[in-house]
């Protein structure tokens, strides 16, 4: 992940954990969990993992509609 982060100026998980909720930023990692609860009204919960840890991400319905392929694909 470090190579990807350095090239695209993405933030590692250990730094993302220090950010306040709602702050817009960019990170990268391997998707280890993707959840779409029926009670979440179109929201997806994603867990990303890199060498420094895990980060939980909420993908809101509006973003999911725009980035559906990216959010749901395995690549």
C-alpha atoms as a PDB file:
ATOM      1  CA  UNK A   1       0.000   0.000   0.000  1.00  0.00           C
ATOM      2  CA  UNK A   2       2.878   2.393   0.690  1.00  0.00           C
ATOM      3  CA  UNK A   3       3.748   2.557  -3.004  1.00  0.00           C
ATOM      4  CA  UNK A   4       0.134   3.425  -3.900  1.00  0.00           C
ATOM      5  CA  UNK A   5      -0.084   6.019  -1.129  1.00  0.00           C
ATOM      6  CA  UNK A   6       3.163   7.778  -2.015  1.00  0.00           C
ATOM      7  CA  UNK A   7       2.262   7.981  -5.672  1.00  0.00           C
ATOM      8  CA  UNK A   8      -1.247   9.388  -5.092  1.00  0.00           C
ATOM      9  CA  UNK A   9      -0.655  11.214  -1.775  1.00  0.00           C
ATOM     10  CA  UNK A  10      -3.083   9.022   0.180  1.00  0.00           C
ATOM     11  CA  UNK A  11      -3.238   8.861   3.977  1.00  0.00           C
ATOM     12  CA  UNK A  12      -2.364   5.672   5.957  1.00  0.00           C
ATOM     13  CA  UNK A  13      -4.846   4.089   8.394  1.00  0.00           C
ATOM     14  CA  UNK A  14      -2.838   5.115  11.471  1.00  0.00           C
ATOM     15  CA  UNK A  15      -3.203   8.783  10.469  1.00  0.00           C
ATOM     16  CA  UNK A  16      -6.842   8.473   9.416  1.00  0.00           C
ATOM     17  CA  UNK A  17      -7.731   7.203  12.899  1.00  0.00           C
ATOM     18  CA  UNK A  18      -6.653  10.566  14.343  1.00  0.00           C
ATOM     19  CA  UNK A  19      -8.977  12.579  12.072  1.00  0.00           C
ATOM     20  CA  UNK A  20     -12.337  13.789  13.384  1.00  0.00           C
ATOM     21  CA  UNK A  21     -15.503  12.156  12.063  1.00  0.00           C
ATOM     22  CA  UNK A  22     -16.780  13.705   8.853  1.00  0.00           C
ATOM     23  CA  UNK A  23     -13.437  15.013   7.624  1.00  0.00           C
ATOM     24  CA  UNK A  24     -12.951  14.566   3.890  1.00  0.00           C
ATOM     25  CA  UNK A  25      -9.722  12.800   3.000  1.00  0.00           C
ATOM     26  CA  UNK A  26      -8.265  10.063   0.819  1.00  0.00           C
ATOM     27  CA  UNK A  27      -6.936   6.707   1.903  1.00  0.00           C
ATOM     28  CA  UNK A  28      -6.294   3.305   0.424  1.00  0.00           C
ATOM     29  CA  UNK A  29      -6.262  -0.279   1.534  1.00  0.00           C
ATOM     30  CA  UNK A  30      -7.531  -3.736   0.831  1.00  0.00           C
ATOM     31  CA  UNK A  31     -11.265  -4.153   1.370  1.00  0.00           C
ATOM     32  CA  UNK A  32     -11.600  -6.769   4.094  1.00  0.00           C
ATOM     33  CA  UNK A  33     -15.300  -6.282   4.870  1.00  0.00           C
ATOM     34  CA  UNK A  34     -18.191  -4.867   2.853  1.00  0.00           C
ATOM     35  CA  UNK A  35     -21.623  -4.768   4.517  1.00  0.00           C
ATOM     36  CA  UNK A  36     -25.001  -3.708   3.119  1.00  0.00           C
ATOM     37  CA  UNK A  37     -27.530  -4.151   5.926  1.00  0.00           C
ATOM     38  CA  UNK A  38     -31.157  -4.055   4.784  1.00  0.00           C
ATOM     39  CA  UNK A  39     -31.863  -1.489   7.510  1.00  0.00           C
ATOM     40  CA  UNK A  40     -29.143   0.909   6.257  1.00  0.00           C
ATOM     41  CA  UNK A  41     -31.289   2.426   3.454  1.00  0.00           C
ATOM     42  CA  UNK A  42     -28.677   2.068   0.704  1.00  0.00           C
ATOM     43  CA  UNK A  43     -25.588   2.805   2.788  1.00  0.00           C
ATOM     44  CA  UNK A  44     -22.565   0.487   2.582  1.00  0.00           C
ATOM     45  CA  UNK A  45     -20.072  -0.007   5.398  1.00  0.00           C
ATOM     46  CA  UNK A  46     -16.550  -0.875   4.257  1.00  0.00           C
ATOM     47  CA  UNK A  47     -13.435  -1.816   6.217  1.00  0.00           C
ATOM     48  CA  UNK A  48     -10.106  -1.016   4.563  1.00  0.00           C
ATOM     49  CA  UNK A  49      -6.830  -2.480   5.787  1.00  0.00           C
ATOM     50  CA  UNK A  50      -3.250  -1.409   5.139  1.00  0.00           C
ATOM     51  CA  UNK A  51       0.020  -2.215   6.904  1.00  0.00           C
ATOM     52  CA  UNK A  52      -0.757   0.255   9.710  1.00  0.00           C
ATOM     53  CA  UNK A  53      -4.262  -0.958  10.577  1.00  0.00           C
ATOM     54  CA  UNK A  54      -7.958  -0.832   9.688  1.00  0.00           C
ATOM     55  CA  UNK A  55     -10.272   2.041   8.820  1.00  0.00           C
ATOM     56  CA  UNK A  56     -14.065   1.901   8.746  1.00  0.00           C
ATOM     57  CA  UNK A  57     -15.695   3.813   5.903  1.00  0.00           C
ATOM     58  CA  UNK A  58     -19.328   4.764   5.351  1.00  0.00           C
ATOM     59  CA  UNK A  59     -20.335   5.012   1.694  1.00  0.00           C
ATOM     60  CA  UNK A  60     -23.500   7.098   1.553  1.00  0.00           C
ATOM     61  CA  UNK A  61     -26.246   6.342  -0.948  1.00  0.00           C
ATOM     62  CA  UNK A  62     -25.495   9.373  -3.181  1.00  0.00           C
ATOM     63  CA  UNK A  63     -21.842   8.419  -3.570  1.00  0.00           C
ATOM     64  CA  UNK A  64     -22.751   4.774  -4.072  1.00  0.00           C
ATOM     65  CA  UNK A  65     -25.031   5.726  -6.969  1.00  0.00           C
ATOM     66  CA  UNK A  66     -22.173   7.650  -8.624  1.00  0.00           C
ATOM     67  CA  UNK A  67     -19.402   5.133  -7.846  1.00  0.00           C
ATOM     68  CA  UNK A  68     -21.353   1.857  -7.824  1.00  0.00           C
ATOM     69  CA  UNK A  69     -18.871  -0.139  -9.904  1.00  0.00           C
ATOM     70  CA  UNK A  70     -15.913   0.949  -7.750  1.00  0.00           C
ATOM     71  CA  UNK A  71     -17.741   0.340  -4.481  1.00  0.00           C
ATOM     72  CA  UNK A  72     -18.985  -3.126  -5.343  1.00  0.00           C
ATOM     73  CA  UNK A  73     -16.290  -4.598  -7.567  1.00  0.00           C
ATOM     74  CA  UNK A  74     -13.520  -6.871  -6.357  1.00  0.00           C
ATOM     75  CA  UNK A  75     -10.851  -5.073  -8.382  1.00  0.00           C
END
